[in-house]
N, C-alpha and C. Protein backbone atom coordinates (compact mmCIF):
# COMPACT_ATOMS: atom_id res chain seq x y z
N MET A 1 -12.74 28.75 -15.53
CA MET A 1 -11.78 27.83 -16.08
C MET A 1 -10.98 27.21 -14.94
N LYS A 2 -10.77 25.92 -15.02
CA LYS A 2 -9.94 25.19 -14.07
C LYS A 2 -8.57 25.01 -14.69
N LYS A 3 -7.53 25.14 -13.87
CA LYS A 3 -6.18 25.04 -14.38
C LYS A 3 -5.35 24.18 -13.43
N ILE A 4 -4.64 23.22 -13.99
CA ILE A 4 -3.70 22.43 -13.20
C ILE A 4 -2.34 23.06 -13.37
N ASN A 5 -1.81 23.61 -12.28
CA ASN A 5 -0.53 24.30 -12.34
C ASN A 5 0.64 23.33 -12.31
N LYS A 6 1.76 23.79 -12.82
CA LYS A 6 2.98 23.00 -12.78
C LYS A 6 3.41 22.86 -11.32
N PRO A 7 3.69 21.61 -10.87
CA PRO A 7 4.11 21.43 -9.47
C PRO A 7 5.54 21.89 -9.25
N GLY A 8 5.86 22.16 -7.99
CA GLY A 8 7.24 22.48 -7.64
C GLY A 8 8.08 21.22 -7.77
N ASP A 9 8.08 20.39 -6.75
CA ASP A 9 8.77 19.10 -6.80
C ASP A 9 7.77 18.05 -7.21
N ASN A 10 8.22 17.06 -7.95
CA ASN A 10 7.35 15.97 -8.36
C ASN A 10 8.16 14.68 -8.30
N LEU A 11 8.39 14.22 -7.08
CA LEU A 11 9.21 13.05 -6.88
C LEU A 11 8.36 11.79 -6.91
N GLY A 12 8.81 10.78 -7.59
CA GLY A 12 8.09 9.52 -7.66
C GLY A 12 8.47 8.60 -6.52
N GLY A 13 7.85 7.45 -6.51
CA GLY A 13 8.18 6.42 -5.53
C GLY A 13 7.48 6.59 -4.21
N LEU A 14 7.53 5.53 -3.44
CA LEU A 14 6.99 5.53 -2.08
C LEU A 14 8.15 5.44 -1.10
N LEU A 15 8.00 6.09 0.05
CA LEU A 15 9.04 6.08 1.06
C LEU A 15 8.80 5.05 2.15
N LYS A 16 7.54 4.84 2.49
CA LYS A 16 7.21 3.93 3.58
C LYS A 16 5.75 3.53 3.43
N LEU A 17 5.43 2.31 3.93
CA LEU A 17 4.03 1.92 3.93
C LEU A 17 3.70 1.10 5.16
N TRP A 18 2.42 1.19 5.52
CA TRP A 18 1.88 0.48 6.66
C TRP A 18 0.65 -0.29 6.22
N ALA A 19 0.58 -1.56 6.62
CA ALA A 19 -0.60 -2.38 6.38
C ALA A 19 -1.47 -2.31 7.64
N VAL A 20 -2.71 -1.84 7.46
CA VAL A 20 -3.63 -1.65 8.58
C VAL A 20 -4.85 -2.54 8.35
N PRO A 21 -5.19 -3.41 9.30
CA PRO A 21 -6.41 -4.20 9.13
C PRO A 21 -7.60 -3.27 8.92
N VAL A 22 -8.48 -3.62 7.98
CA VAL A 22 -9.61 -2.73 7.68
C VAL A 22 -10.50 -2.51 8.90
N SER A 23 -10.47 -3.42 9.84
CA SER A 23 -11.29 -3.25 11.05
C SER A 23 -10.68 -2.26 12.04
N ASP A 24 -9.43 -1.86 11.82
CA ASP A 24 -8.73 -0.99 12.77
C ASP A 24 -8.63 0.47 12.34
N CYS A 25 -9.25 0.85 11.21
CA CYS A 25 -9.20 2.25 10.81
C CYS A 25 -10.37 2.59 9.89
N TYR A 26 -10.68 3.88 9.84
CA TYR A 26 -11.64 4.38 8.87
C TYR A 26 -11.36 5.85 8.61
N VAL A 27 -11.82 6.32 7.46
CA VAL A 27 -11.64 7.71 7.06
C VAL A 27 -13.00 8.33 6.91
N ASP A 28 -13.18 9.53 7.48
CA ASP A 28 -14.40 10.29 7.26
C ASP A 28 -14.02 11.74 6.99
N ALA A 29 -14.98 12.62 6.99
CA ALA A 29 -14.74 14.02 6.63
C ALA A 29 -13.74 14.69 7.57
N SER A 30 -13.63 14.22 8.81
CA SER A 30 -12.71 14.85 9.76
C SER A 30 -11.31 14.26 9.71
N GLY A 31 -11.10 13.20 8.92
CA GLY A 31 -9.77 12.62 8.78
C GLY A 31 -9.74 11.13 9.01
N ILE A 32 -8.56 10.62 9.27
CA ILE A 32 -8.38 9.18 9.50
C ILE A 32 -8.48 8.89 10.99
N HIS A 33 -9.10 7.77 11.32
CA HIS A 33 -9.26 7.34 12.70
C HIS A 33 -8.69 5.93 12.81
N ILE A 34 -7.64 5.79 13.61
CA ILE A 34 -7.03 4.48 13.83
C ILE A 34 -7.47 4.00 15.21
N ILE A 35 -8.12 2.85 15.23
CA ILE A 35 -8.70 2.33 16.47
C ILE A 35 -7.63 1.71 17.36
N GLY A 36 -6.69 0.99 16.78
CA GLY A 36 -5.61 0.38 17.54
C GLY A 36 -4.40 0.18 16.65
N THR A 37 -3.21 0.12 17.26
CA THR A 37 -1.99 -0.01 16.46
C THR A 37 -1.32 -1.37 16.60
N SER A 38 -1.83 -2.25 17.45
CA SER A 38 -1.14 -3.52 17.71
C SER A 38 -1.11 -4.45 16.50
N ASN A 39 -2.02 -4.29 15.54
CA ASN A 39 -2.05 -5.15 14.36
C ASN A 39 -1.58 -4.44 13.09
N ILE A 40 -0.98 -3.27 13.23
CA ILE A 40 -0.47 -2.53 12.08
C ILE A 40 0.96 -3.00 11.80
N TYR A 41 1.24 -3.25 10.53
CA TYR A 41 2.57 -3.69 10.12
C TYR A 41 3.23 -2.61 9.28
N GLU A 42 4.36 -2.10 9.76
CA GLU A 42 5.19 -1.21 8.95
C GLU A 42 6.14 -2.11 8.17
N LEU A 43 6.05 -2.08 6.85
CA LEU A 43 6.82 -2.99 6.03
C LEU A 43 8.10 -2.31 5.54
N TYR A 44 9.25 -2.84 5.95
CA TYR A 44 10.51 -2.33 5.43
C TYR A 44 10.69 -2.89 4.02
N CYS A 45 10.99 -2.03 3.09
CA CYS A 45 11.24 -2.44 1.71
C CYS A 45 12.58 -1.87 1.26
N SER A 46 13.23 -2.58 0.33
CA SER A 46 14.47 -2.08 -0.24
C SER A 46 14.22 -0.71 -0.87
N PRO A 47 15.19 0.19 -0.76
CA PRO A 47 15.02 1.52 -1.36
C PRO A 47 14.65 1.41 -2.84
N ASP A 48 13.76 2.26 -3.26
CA ASP A 48 13.32 2.36 -4.65
C ASP A 48 12.64 1.10 -5.19
N SER A 49 12.11 0.26 -4.30
CA SER A 49 11.42 -0.95 -4.78
C SER A 49 9.91 -0.83 -4.72
N MET A 50 9.40 0.19 -4.02
CA MET A 50 7.95 0.30 -3.85
C MET A 50 7.31 1.05 -5.01
N ASP A 51 6.09 0.65 -5.34
CA ASP A 51 5.38 1.22 -6.47
C ASP A 51 3.89 1.27 -6.13
N PHE A 52 3.22 2.27 -6.66
CA PHE A 52 1.77 2.42 -6.47
C PHE A 52 1.15 2.73 -7.83
N SER A 53 0.08 2.01 -8.15
CA SER A 53 -0.68 2.36 -9.36
C SER A 53 -2.17 2.25 -9.07
N GLU A 54 -2.92 3.10 -9.73
CA GLU A 54 -4.37 3.15 -9.56
C GLU A 54 -4.96 3.46 -10.93
N ILE A 55 -5.58 2.47 -11.53
CA ILE A 55 -6.12 2.61 -12.87
C ILE A 55 -7.64 2.74 -12.77
N SER A 56 -8.18 3.82 -13.32
CA SER A 56 -9.64 4.02 -13.28
C SER A 56 -10.29 3.28 -14.45
N ASN A 57 -11.46 2.72 -14.17
CA ASN A 57 -12.24 1.99 -15.17
C ASN A 57 -13.67 2.48 -15.13
N LYS A 58 -14.23 2.81 -16.27
CA LYS A 58 -15.63 3.18 -16.34
C LYS A 58 -16.40 2.01 -16.94
N THR A 59 -17.35 1.52 -16.15
CA THR A 59 -18.16 0.38 -16.60
C THR A 59 -19.64 0.78 -16.52
N ASP A 60 -20.50 -0.13 -16.91
CA ASP A 60 -21.94 0.12 -16.83
C ASP A 60 -22.39 0.35 -15.39
N SER A 61 -21.67 -0.23 -14.43
CA SER A 61 -22.05 -0.06 -13.03
C SER A 61 -21.33 1.12 -12.36
N GLY A 62 -20.59 1.90 -13.12
CA GLY A 62 -19.94 3.09 -12.59
C GLY A 62 -18.43 2.99 -12.62
N LEU A 63 -17.80 3.89 -11.90
CA LEU A 63 -16.34 3.93 -11.85
C LEU A 63 -15.81 2.90 -10.86
N SER A 64 -14.66 2.34 -11.18
CA SER A 64 -13.92 1.51 -10.24
C SER A 64 -12.44 1.79 -10.46
N TYR A 65 -11.64 1.35 -9.51
CA TYR A 65 -10.21 1.62 -9.54
C TYR A 65 -9.47 0.32 -9.24
N ASP A 66 -8.55 -0.05 -10.12
CA ASP A 66 -7.67 -1.19 -9.89
C ASP A 66 -6.43 -0.65 -9.18
N THR A 67 -6.27 -1.01 -7.92
CA THR A 67 -5.20 -0.49 -7.09
C THR A 67 -4.16 -1.57 -6.84
N VAL A 68 -2.89 -1.22 -7.00
CA VAL A 68 -1.78 -2.13 -6.72
C VAL A 68 -0.67 -1.35 -6.03
N ILE A 69 -0.23 -1.87 -4.89
CA ILE A 69 0.91 -1.33 -4.17
C ILE A 69 1.89 -2.49 -4.02
N SER A 70 3.12 -2.29 -4.51
CA SER A 70 4.08 -3.40 -4.50
C SER A 70 5.42 -2.95 -3.95
N GLY A 71 6.26 -3.95 -3.62
CA GLY A 71 7.58 -3.66 -3.11
C GLY A 71 8.39 -4.92 -2.95
N PHE A 72 9.59 -4.77 -2.39
CA PHE A 72 10.49 -5.90 -2.17
C PHE A 72 11.00 -5.86 -0.75
N ILE A 73 10.76 -6.93 0.00
CA ILE A 73 11.26 -7.09 1.37
C ILE A 73 12.48 -7.99 1.29
N PRO A 74 13.67 -7.46 1.64
CA PRO A 74 14.88 -8.27 1.50
C PRO A 74 14.99 -9.35 2.58
N GLN A 75 15.59 -10.44 2.21
CA GLN A 75 15.96 -11.56 3.06
C GLN A 75 14.76 -12.42 3.46
N ASP A 76 15.00 -13.69 3.44
CA ASP A 76 14.05 -14.69 3.92
C ASP A 76 14.50 -15.10 5.31
N ASN A 77 13.69 -14.78 6.31
CA ASN A 77 14.01 -15.20 7.67
C ASN A 77 12.73 -15.54 8.41
N PRO A 78 12.81 -16.19 9.56
CA PRO A 78 11.61 -16.64 10.26
C PRO A 78 10.65 -15.52 10.65
N THR A 79 11.17 -14.37 11.05
CA THR A 79 10.30 -13.27 11.48
C THR A 79 9.50 -12.73 10.31
N VAL A 80 10.16 -12.48 9.18
CA VAL A 80 9.46 -11.97 7.99
C VAL A 80 8.41 -13.00 7.55
N GLN A 81 8.80 -14.26 7.53
CA GLN A 81 7.87 -15.31 7.12
C GLN A 81 6.64 -15.34 8.03
N GLU A 82 6.84 -15.24 9.33
CA GLU A 82 5.72 -15.24 10.28
C GLU A 82 4.78 -14.06 10.01
N TYR A 83 5.33 -12.88 9.79
CA TYR A 83 4.52 -11.70 9.53
C TYR A 83 3.73 -11.84 8.23
N LEU A 84 4.40 -12.32 7.18
CA LEU A 84 3.72 -12.45 5.90
C LEU A 84 2.62 -13.51 5.95
N PHE A 85 2.83 -14.58 6.71
CA PHE A 85 1.78 -15.59 6.89
C PHE A 85 0.57 -14.99 7.58
N TYR A 86 0.80 -14.05 8.51
CA TYR A 86 -0.32 -13.37 9.18
C TYR A 86 -1.05 -12.44 8.21
N ILE A 87 -0.29 -11.71 7.42
CA ILE A 87 -0.87 -10.72 6.50
C ILE A 87 -1.65 -11.39 5.37
N LEU A 88 -1.18 -12.51 4.88
CA LEU A 88 -1.70 -13.14 3.65
C LEU A 88 -3.22 -13.31 3.60
N PRO A 89 -3.88 -13.91 4.57
CA PRO A 89 -5.31 -14.19 4.40
C PRO A 89 -6.25 -13.03 4.77
N ARG A 90 -5.72 -11.93 5.24
CA ARG A 90 -6.56 -10.87 5.79
C ARG A 90 -6.82 -9.74 4.79
N LYS A 91 -7.73 -8.84 5.18
CA LYS A 91 -8.11 -7.69 4.35
C LYS A 91 -7.47 -6.44 4.93
N TRP A 92 -6.98 -5.55 4.03
CA TRP A 92 -6.13 -4.45 4.47
C TRP A 92 -6.49 -3.11 3.85
N SER A 93 -6.20 -2.08 4.62
CA SER A 93 -6.05 -0.72 4.12
C SER A 93 -4.55 -0.45 4.17
N ILE A 94 -4.04 0.26 3.18
CA ILE A 94 -2.61 0.56 3.14
C ILE A 94 -2.43 2.07 3.23
N ILE A 95 -1.66 2.47 4.22
CA ILE A 95 -1.26 3.87 4.37
C ILE A 95 0.16 3.97 3.83
N PHE A 96 0.41 4.97 3.00
CA PHE A 96 1.76 5.14 2.48
C PHE A 96 2.09 6.62 2.38
N ILE A 97 3.40 6.88 2.37
CA ILE A 97 3.90 8.23 2.16
C ILE A 97 4.72 8.19 0.88
N ASP A 98 4.45 9.15 0.00
CA ASP A 98 5.14 9.17 -1.29
C ASP A 98 6.37 10.08 -1.25
N GLY A 99 7.08 10.14 -2.35
CA GLY A 99 8.31 10.91 -2.43
C GLY A 99 8.13 12.40 -2.21
N ASN A 100 6.90 12.88 -2.32
CA ASN A 100 6.61 14.31 -2.10
C ASN A 100 6.18 14.59 -0.67
N GLY A 101 6.15 13.55 0.18
CA GLY A 101 5.76 13.74 1.57
C GLY A 101 4.27 13.68 1.82
N SER A 102 3.49 13.25 0.84
CA SER A 102 2.04 13.17 1.00
C SER A 102 1.64 11.78 1.49
N TYR A 103 0.75 11.75 2.48
CA TYR A 103 0.20 10.50 2.97
C TYR A 103 -1.10 10.20 2.22
N LYS A 104 -1.29 8.92 1.90
CA LYS A 104 -2.54 8.47 1.28
C LYS A 104 -2.95 7.15 1.90
N ILE A 105 -4.21 6.84 1.75
CA ILE A 105 -4.72 5.54 2.18
C ILE A 105 -5.46 4.91 1.02
N ALA A 106 -5.22 3.62 0.81
CA ALA A 106 -5.89 2.86 -0.25
C ALA A 106 -6.56 1.65 0.38
N GLY A 107 -7.77 1.37 -0.04
CA GLY A 107 -8.53 0.25 0.51
C GLY A 107 -9.30 0.67 1.75
N ASN A 108 -10.45 0.05 1.96
CA ASN A 108 -11.28 0.32 3.13
C ASN A 108 -12.11 -0.92 3.45
N SER A 109 -12.96 -0.84 4.46
CA SER A 109 -13.70 -2.03 4.88
C SER A 109 -14.67 -2.52 3.81
N SER A 110 -15.20 -1.63 2.99
CA SER A 110 -16.10 -2.05 1.92
C SER A 110 -15.35 -2.60 0.72
N TYR A 111 -14.18 -2.06 0.45
CA TYR A 111 -13.35 -2.46 -0.68
C TYR A 111 -11.90 -2.61 -0.23
N PRO A 112 -11.60 -3.70 0.47
CA PRO A 112 -10.25 -3.88 1.02
C PRO A 112 -9.25 -4.32 -0.04
N LEU A 113 -7.99 -4.21 0.31
CA LEU A 113 -6.93 -4.74 -0.54
C LEU A 113 -6.51 -6.11 0.00
N ARG A 114 -6.12 -6.98 -0.90
CA ARG A 114 -5.63 -8.32 -0.56
C ARG A 114 -4.12 -8.34 -0.76
N PHE A 115 -3.47 -9.39 -0.31
CA PHE A 115 -2.01 -9.48 -0.29
C PHE A 115 -1.55 -10.75 -0.99
N SER A 116 -0.48 -10.63 -1.74
CA SER A 116 0.18 -11.81 -2.30
C SER A 116 1.69 -11.55 -2.31
N TYR A 117 2.45 -12.64 -2.32
CA TYR A 117 3.91 -12.47 -2.37
C TYR A 117 4.55 -13.61 -3.13
N GLU A 118 5.80 -13.38 -3.53
CA GLU A 118 6.63 -14.40 -4.17
C GLU A 118 8.00 -14.34 -3.52
N LEU A 119 8.49 -15.49 -3.07
CA LEU A 119 9.82 -15.59 -2.48
C LEU A 119 10.77 -16.09 -3.55
N LYS A 120 11.88 -15.37 -3.74
CA LYS A 120 12.91 -15.79 -4.69
C LYS A 120 14.28 -15.58 -4.06
N THR A 121 15.18 -16.48 -4.36
CA THR A 121 16.55 -16.33 -3.89
C THR A 121 17.49 -15.97 -5.03
N GLY A 122 17.05 -16.08 -6.26
CA GLY A 122 17.92 -15.80 -7.38
C GLY A 122 18.77 -17.00 -7.74
N LYS A 123 19.49 -16.89 -8.85
CA LYS A 123 20.27 -18.02 -9.36
C LYS A 123 21.69 -18.07 -8.82
N ASP A 124 22.20 -16.96 -8.29
CA ASP A 124 23.58 -16.97 -7.79
C ASP A 124 23.67 -16.10 -6.55
N THR A 125 24.84 -16.09 -5.94
CA THR A 125 24.99 -15.38 -4.66
C THR A 125 24.88 -13.87 -4.79
N SER A 126 25.03 -13.32 -5.97
CA SER A 126 24.90 -11.86 -6.13
C SER A 126 23.44 -11.43 -6.30
N SER A 127 22.54 -12.38 -6.47
CA SER A 127 21.12 -12.06 -6.61
C SER A 127 20.54 -11.68 -5.25
N LEU A 128 19.51 -10.88 -5.29
CA LEU A 128 18.82 -10.52 -4.05
C LEU A 128 17.86 -11.63 -3.65
N ALA A 129 17.88 -11.97 -2.37
CA ALA A 129 16.92 -12.93 -1.84
C ALA A 129 15.87 -12.15 -1.07
N GLY A 130 14.62 -12.51 -1.26
CA GLY A 130 13.58 -11.84 -0.52
C GLY A 130 12.21 -12.01 -1.14
N PHE A 131 11.28 -11.20 -0.67
CA PHE A 131 9.88 -11.31 -1.03
C PHE A 131 9.44 -10.13 -1.89
N THR A 132 8.98 -10.41 -3.08
CA THR A 132 8.30 -9.40 -3.88
C THR A 132 6.83 -9.54 -3.52
N PHE A 133 6.20 -8.43 -3.15
CA PHE A 133 4.81 -8.51 -2.69
C PHE A 133 3.95 -7.49 -3.40
N GLN A 134 2.64 -7.68 -3.25
CA GLN A 134 1.70 -6.66 -3.69
C GLN A 134 0.41 -6.74 -2.89
N PHE A 135 -0.11 -5.56 -2.60
CA PHE A 135 -1.47 -5.40 -2.10
C PHE A 135 -2.27 -4.96 -3.30
N PHE A 136 -3.42 -5.57 -3.51
CA PHE A 136 -4.17 -5.29 -4.73
C PHE A 136 -5.67 -5.40 -4.47
N GLY A 137 -6.44 -4.73 -5.31
CA GLY A 137 -7.89 -4.84 -5.22
C GLY A 137 -8.59 -3.88 -6.15
N LYS A 138 -9.86 -4.15 -6.33
CA LYS A 138 -10.73 -3.27 -7.11
C LYS A 138 -11.56 -2.49 -6.10
N THR A 139 -11.48 -1.17 -6.16
CA THR A 139 -12.20 -0.32 -5.21
C THR A 139 -13.17 0.60 -5.94
N LYS A 140 -14.11 1.12 -5.20
CA LYS A 140 -15.06 2.07 -5.77
C LYS A 140 -14.65 3.52 -5.54
N THR A 141 -13.64 3.72 -4.71
CA THR A 141 -13.15 5.07 -4.45
C THR A 141 -11.64 5.09 -4.66
N PRO A 142 -11.10 6.19 -5.16
CA PRO A 142 -9.65 6.28 -5.32
C PRO A 142 -8.98 6.41 -3.95
N SER A 143 -7.68 6.21 -3.92
CA SER A 143 -6.95 6.43 -2.67
C SER A 143 -7.13 7.87 -2.25
N ALA A 144 -7.14 8.09 -0.93
CA ALA A 144 -7.45 9.42 -0.40
C ALA A 144 -6.23 10.02 0.30
N PHE A 145 -6.03 11.32 0.10
CA PHE A 145 -5.00 12.03 0.84
C PHE A 145 -5.45 12.14 2.29
N ILE A 146 -4.52 11.93 3.21
CA ILE A 146 -4.80 12.05 4.63
C ILE A 146 -3.67 12.84 5.29
N ASN A 147 -3.95 13.38 6.47
CA ASN A 147 -2.89 14.02 7.24
C ASN A 147 -2.08 12.94 7.93
N ASN A 148 -0.91 13.32 8.43
CA ASN A 148 -0.03 12.37 9.11
C ASN A 148 -0.83 11.53 10.10
N PRO A 149 -1.00 10.24 9.83
CA PRO A 149 -1.87 9.42 10.66
C PRO A 149 -1.25 8.96 11.97
N PHE A 150 0.06 9.12 12.10
CA PHE A 150 0.71 8.58 13.30
C PHE A 150 1.26 9.71 14.11
C-alpha cells in the first residue's frame, strides 16, 4: 500500500524565480547542469504576486502538462523594459523556489516555456504600476525537483 503522509509545513507561493535560456541548462539523472550564467535573469517580483500552476491532460497522444508561472514586476522603467524585450521572443526554462524551500525547474529544450507580459499603470496614483507577466507552455514532462542550482 502506498500512503501520502500529512506534510509538516505546507506553505504556498513562490519566493524567487530565474529565467534560464533553454540552451544554457539541462537536467539529467545526476541533477541540473547550468552551462553559463550570463543570460540568466533573476526576476524581482512583488511579495505574494508569484504563482505556479501545472495542469495534467490525458489525450490520445499521451500525457501533457499546461504550465504557467506568473508574477508582478513593479514599476515601469528603462532597465525593466530592456530586460523584458530581451526575454519576450526567446525560449525558457524557469527555476523557482517555493514557500517550502524546494527548487523546481519547468520547461526544457524540447518543451520550452514562452513569455508574455502586460504593462498597466492603473487608474489613479494609488494603483500599482508595473508588469504582470507569465511564462507558459505545454510540456510532456512535469516540473522537476532539483537541488540548489546556484
